Amino acid sequence: MRFDVVSLFGSMFSAVSEEGITSRARRRGLWDLKIWNPRDFVSDVHRTIDDRPFGGGPGMVMMAEPLACSIEAIRNSGNQGKVISFAPNGRKLNDEWVRQTVAKNEDLILICGRYEGIDERFLESYVDEQISIGDFVLSGGELAAMVLIDSVVRQLPGALKDMSTLDESFATGLLDAPHYTRPEVWRGKSVPEVLLSGHHQKIQDWTREKALKITHTKRPDLITIARSKNLLSEKDEQYLRTIDQLAEP
């Protein structure tokens, strides 16, 4: 899978290309990354890529032409994939989107905006989808692009052990259960006895119940979604009813 990123600050992407799981996956040839600086597609002495907005207002706006030339160069280099930019009004990045993208094995082109935004004419002409990673504002699209790359790459076949992705939060429609490791007692706090029992069915039941309880408490909207997708068993529903009953005054 290939990512082409249009960014003024390409060195930031060493965090995903040179470190951790994503770095190992890249060395194994599971994905590749190329950075394109829109300043390389302008000819004036100052390499200008932004200007004041028509109609007034604070800040500067990224110009359409340098970004368009960047996309055209990327297309000519072989990436014909979807073009994505990042904005608070975009579609929320979630596990479903990530898994669908991995299933398509589609190359992506990521546009990292800066300043007050990007000329709307470029967005209308070249961008296929806008993505948001949350209801907050960042200084630029680079961090959002790295979040997207990391979330997609770790789902690529061979990037992680299969069980690592199958058991994590959202893979089952629920948040993850708590995790514990050595020592068995840390500063007076013990690991739950069931996890030391060696009884696989009891451990599985405990893990499922904890995931249900945490999701019910912290993200009840995910319970609703899981129900709509028939991801909850009758045993799950019975446990959730028990939680509700205990919570009643």
Protein backbone atom coordinates (compact mmCIF):
# COMPACT_ATOMS: atom_id res chain seq x y z
CA MET A 1 0.00 0.00 0.00
CA ARG A 2 1.29 3.43 -0.89
CA PHE A 3 0.81 6.81 0.80
CA ASP A 4 1.77 10.03 -0.96
CA VAL A 5 1.65 12.99 1.43
CA VAL A 6 1.57 16.65 0.44
CA SER A 7 3.08 18.60 3.32
CA LEU A 8 5.22 21.62 4.12
CA PHE A 9 6.76 19.71 7.04
CA GLY A 10 7.66 16.31 5.68
CA SER A 11 10.25 15.55 8.34
CA MET A 12 7.43 15.09 10.84
CA PHE A 13 6.54 11.80 9.13
CA SER A 14 9.70 10.10 10.34
CA ALA A 15 7.57 9.27 13.38
CA VAL A 16 5.66 6.71 11.31
CA SER A 17 8.28 5.83 8.70
CA GLU A 18 11.21 5.29 11.07
CA GLU A 19 9.72 4.23 14.41
CA GLY A 20 7.76 1.33 15.86
CA ILE A 21 5.28 -1.03 14.22
CA THR A 22 4.81 1.13 11.13
CA SER A 23 8.55 1.30 10.54
CA ARG A 24 8.92 -2.47 10.74
CA ALA A 25 5.98 -2.93 8.37
CA ARG A 26 7.58 -0.53 5.92
CA ARG A 27 10.89 -2.36 6.02
CA ARG A 28 8.99 -5.55 5.21
CA GLY A 29 7.50 -3.88 2.16
CA LEU A 30 3.91 -3.76 3.39
CA TRP A 31 3.57 -0.04 2.67
CA ASP A 32 5.54 2.88 1.32
CA LEU A 33 5.58 6.63 1.87
CA LYS A 34 6.59 9.55 -0.32
CA ILE A 35 6.48 13.19 0.77
CA TRP A 36 5.75 16.04 -1.65
CA ASN A 37 6.38 19.67 -0.71
CA PRO A 38 4.07 22.08 -2.58
CA ARG A 39 6.85 24.70 -2.49
CA ASP A 40 8.64 22.58 -5.09
CA PHE A 41 5.89 23.45 -7.57
CA VAL A 42 6.16 27.24 -7.46
CA SER A 43 8.70 29.43 -9.26
CA ASP A 44 8.79 32.75 -7.40
CA VAL A 45 11.83 33.60 -5.32
CA HIS A 46 9.94 33.25 -2.03
CA ARG A 47 8.39 29.88 -3.00
CA THR A 48 4.98 31.27 -2.02
CA ILE A 49 2.23 28.76 -1.35
CA ASP A 50 -0.22 30.92 0.66
CA ASP A 51 -1.91 34.32 0.38
CA ARG A 52 -4.42 36.54 2.16
CA PRO A 53 -8.08 35.45 1.92
CA PHE A 54 -10.50 37.32 -0.32
CA GLY A 55 -13.12 39.09 1.79
CA GLY A 56 -10.69 39.66 4.63
CA GLY A 57 -10.21 37.75 7.83
CA PRO A 58 -7.29 36.54 9.93
CA GLY A 59 -4.47 34.33 8.74
CA MET A 60 -3.45 33.05 5.35
CA VAL A 61 -4.94 30.47 2.97
CA MET A 62 -3.03 27.80 1.03
CA MET A 63 -3.21 28.51 -2.71
CA ALA A 64 -4.88 26.07 -5.09
CA GLU A 65 -2.23 25.90 -7.85
CA PRO A 66 0.77 24.53 -5.89
CA LEU A 67 -1.45 21.84 -4.37
CA ALA A 68 -2.97 20.98 -7.74
CA CYS A 69 0.48 20.66 -9.29
CA SER A 70 1.49 18.38 -6.40
CA ILE A 71 -1.46 16.08 -7.07
CA GLU A 72 -0.77 15.99 -10.79
CA ALA A 73 2.87 15.03 -10.12
CA ILE A 74 1.73 12.27 -7.76
CA ARG A 75 -0.70 10.95 -10.37
CA ASN A 76 2.09 10.92 -12.96
CA SER A 77 4.29 8.96 -10.53
CA GLY A 78 1.74 6.16 -10.37
CA ASN A 79 -0.59 6.77 -7.41
CA GLN A 80 -4.17 6.85 -8.70
CA GLY A 81 -5.75 6.45 -5.26
CA LYS A 82 -8.23 8.54 -3.32
CA VAL A 83 -7.26 12.09 -2.32
CA ILE A 84 -7.95 12.91 1.33
CA SER A 85 -7.65 16.18 3.21
CA PHE A 86 -8.26 16.85 6.89
CA ALA A 87 -10.83 19.23 8.38
CA PRO A 88 -13.08 19.44 11.46
CA ASN A 89 -16.14 19.15 9.18
CA GLY A 90 -14.92 15.91 7.62
CA ARG A 91 -16.07 12.36 8.20
CA LYS A 92 -14.94 11.05 11.58
CA LEU A 93 -12.08 8.59 11.28
CA ASN A 94 -13.14 5.30 12.90
CA ASP A 95 -12.30 1.61 12.92
CA GLU A 96 -14.88 0.78 10.25
CA TRP A 97 -13.36 3.28 7.80
CA VAL A 98 -9.88 1.95 8.51
CA ARG A 99 -10.85 -1.68 7.94
CA GLN A 100 -12.71 -0.87 4.73
CA THR A 101 -9.67 0.99 3.43
CA VAL A 102 -7.39 -1.94 4.26
CA ALA A 103 -9.79 -4.36 2.58
CA LYS A 104 -9.70 -2.28 -0.62
CA ASN A 105 -5.87 -2.14 -0.46
CA GLU A 106 -6.16 1.26 -2.09
CA ASP A 107 -3.28 3.73 -2.34
CA LEU A 108 -4.00 7.09 -0.72
CA ILE A 109 -2.95 10.70 -1.27
CA LEU A 110 -3.05 12.82 1.89
CA ILE A 111 -3.19 16.62 1.82
CA CYS A 112 -1.89 18.34 4.95
CA GLY A 113 -3.32 21.82 5.18
CA ARG A 114 -1.78 24.67 7.17
CA TYR A 115 -2.64 28.23 8.19
CA GLU A 116 -6.37 29.11 8.05
CA GLY A 117 -7.19 26.49 5.45
CA ILE A 118 -7.06 25.56 1.77
CA ASP A 119 -8.57 27.35 -1.22
CA GLU A 120 -12.05 25.84 -1.61
CA ARG A 121 -11.63 25.51 -5.37
CA PHE A 122 -8.82 23.01 -4.87
CA LEU A 123 -10.92 20.99 -2.43
CA GLU A 124 -13.83 20.90 -4.87
CA SER A 125 -11.65 19.92 -7.82
CA TYR A 126 -9.20 17.41 -6.35
CA VAL A 127 -10.24 16.10 -2.93
CA ASP A 128 -12.38 12.95 -2.78
CA GLU A 129 -12.98 12.88 0.97
CA GLN A 130 -12.33 15.01 4.04
CA ILE A 131 -11.49 13.30 7.32
CA SER A 132 -11.66 14.51 10.92
CA ILE A 133 -9.89 12.83 13.82
CA GLY A 134 -11.89 14.71 16.46
CA ASP A 135 -13.72 17.86 17.43
CA PHE A 136 -10.68 20.06 17.91
CA VAL A 137 -8.32 22.17 15.81
CA LEU A 138 -4.71 21.27 15.01
CA SER A 139 -1.96 23.51 13.65
CA GLY A 140 -1.91 21.45 10.46
CA GLY A 141 -2.92 18.18 8.86
CA GLU A 142 0.34 16.35 9.52
CA LEU A 143 -0.64 14.86 12.88
CA ALA A 144 -4.03 13.81 11.53
CA ALA A 145 -2.35 12.21 8.50
CA MET A 146 0.02 10.27 10.77
CA VAL A 147 -2.93 9.05 12.85
CA LEU A 148 -4.60 7.81 9.67
CA ILE A 149 -1.41 6.14 8.39
CA ASP A 150 -0.74 4.42 11.71
CA SER A 151 -4.32 3.17 12.05
CA VAL A 152 -4.33 1.76 8.51
CA VAL A 153 -0.82 0.26 8.46
CA ARG A 154 -1.25 -1.69 11.70
CA GLN A 155 -4.26 -3.42 10.12
CA LEU A 156 -2.37 -4.53 7.02
CA PRO A 157 -1.92 -8.31 6.89
CA GLY A 158 1.46 -9.15 8.39
CA ALA A 159 1.94 -5.87 10.27
CA LEU A 160 0.81 -7.39 13.57
CA LYS A 161 -0.03 -10.82 14.89
CA ASP A 162 -3.62 -11.52 13.88
CA MET A 163 -4.90 -11.76 17.46
CA SER A 164 -3.47 -8.35 18.26
CA THR A 165 -5.91 -6.66 15.88
CA LEU A 166 -8.83 -9.01 16.54
CA ASP A 167 -8.82 -8.42 20.29
CA GLU A 168 -8.24 -4.68 20.48
CA SER A 169 -10.78 -1.93 21.08
CA PHE A 170 -13.47 -1.48 18.39
CA ALA A 171 -12.59 -4.73 16.59
CA THR A 172 -15.50 -6.43 18.37
CA GLY A 173 -17.63 -3.29 18.51
CA LEU A 174 -16.65 -2.73 22.15
CA LEU A 175 -13.90 -1.03 24.09
CA ASP A 176 -11.09 -3.26 25.30
CA ALA A 177 -11.01 -5.00 28.68
CA PRO A 178 -8.27 -4.08 31.22
CA HIS A 179 -4.79 -5.62 30.86
CA TYR A 180 -2.33 -6.77 33.53
CA THR A 181 1.23 -8.09 33.59
CA ARG A 182 3.92 -9.01 36.15
CA PRO A 183 4.29 -8.69 39.07
CA GLU A 184 1.10 -10.29 40.38
CA VAL A 185 0.99 -7.72 43.19
CA TRP A 186 2.13 -4.17 42.45
CA ARG A 187 2.13 -1.62 45.29
CA GLY A 188 -0.60 -3.49 47.07
CA LYS A 189 -2.78 -3.98 44.01
CA SER A 190 -3.34 -7.57 42.84
CA VAL A 191 -4.12 -8.97 39.43
CA PRO A 192 -7.72 -10.30 39.33
CA GLU A 193 -7.65 -13.92 40.45
CA VAL A 194 -9.53 -15.21 37.42
CA LEU A 195 -6.63 -14.16 35.17
CA LEU A 196 -4.28 -16.35 37.20
CA SER A 197 -6.61 -19.35 37.22
CA GLY A 198 -5.61 -20.84 33.88
CA HIS A 199 -9.32 -21.51 33.20
CA HIS A 200 -9.70 -20.27 29.63
CA GLN A 201 -13.49 -20.11 29.56
CA LYS A 202 -13.67 -18.17 32.83
CA ILE A 203 -10.99 -15.78 31.57
CA GLN A 204 -12.88 -15.32 28.30
CA ASP A 205 -16.14 -14.65 30.16
CA TRP A 206 -14.44 -12.16 32.52
CA THR A 207 -12.81 -10.34 29.60
CA ARG A 208 -16.10 -10.07 27.73
CA GLU A 209 -17.99 -8.82 30.76
CA LYS A 210 -15.34 -6.20 31.52
CA ALA A 211 -15.44 -5.00 27.91
CA LEU A 212 -19.23 -4.76 28.06
CA LYS A 213 -19.18 -2.89 31.37
CA ILE A 214 -16.50 -0.41 30.30
CA THR A 215 -18.25 0.27 26.99
CA HIS A 216 -21.66 0.58 28.68
CA THR A 217 -20.21 3.08 31.17
CA LYS A 218 -17.87 5.14 28.97
CA ARG A 219 -19.27 4.81 25.44
CA PRO A 220 -22.93 3.70 25.59
CA ASP A 221 -23.27 4.82 21.96
CA LEU A 222 -21.08 1.88 20.96
CA ILE A 223 -23.48 -0.52 22.68
CA THR A 224 -26.29 0.89 20.52
CA ILE A 225 -24.18 0.44 17.39
CA ALA A 226 -23.20 -3.11 18.40
CA ARG A 227 -26.87 -3.98 18.85
CA SER A 228 -27.75 -2.58 15.44
CA LYS A 229 -25.09 -4.83 13.89
CA ASN A 230 -26.16 -7.91 15.89
CA LEU A 231 -22.76 -8.11 17.60
CA LEU A 232 -24.20 -8.85 21.06
CA SER A 233 -25.32 -12.30 22.17
CA GLU A 234 -28.23 -13.01 24.49
CA LYS A 235 -25.62 -13.68 27.20
CA ASP A 236 -24.20 -10.19 26.58
CA GLU A 237 -27.66 -8.64 26.82
CA GLN A 238 -28.38 -10.48 30.04
CA TYR A 239 -25.18 -9.12 31.57
CA LEU A 240 -26.03 -5.59 30.45
CA ARG A 241 -29.47 -5.91 32.07
CA THR A 242 -27.72 -6.94 35.28
CA ILE A 243 -25.55 -3.81 35.13
CA ASP A 244 -28.64 -1.63 34.65
CA GLN A 245 -30.42 -3.29 37.56
CA LEU A 246 -27.45 -2.72 39.87
CA ALA A 247 -27.38 0.92 38.86
CA GLU A 248 -31.04 1.49 39.75
CA PRO A 249 -31.59 3.41 43.01
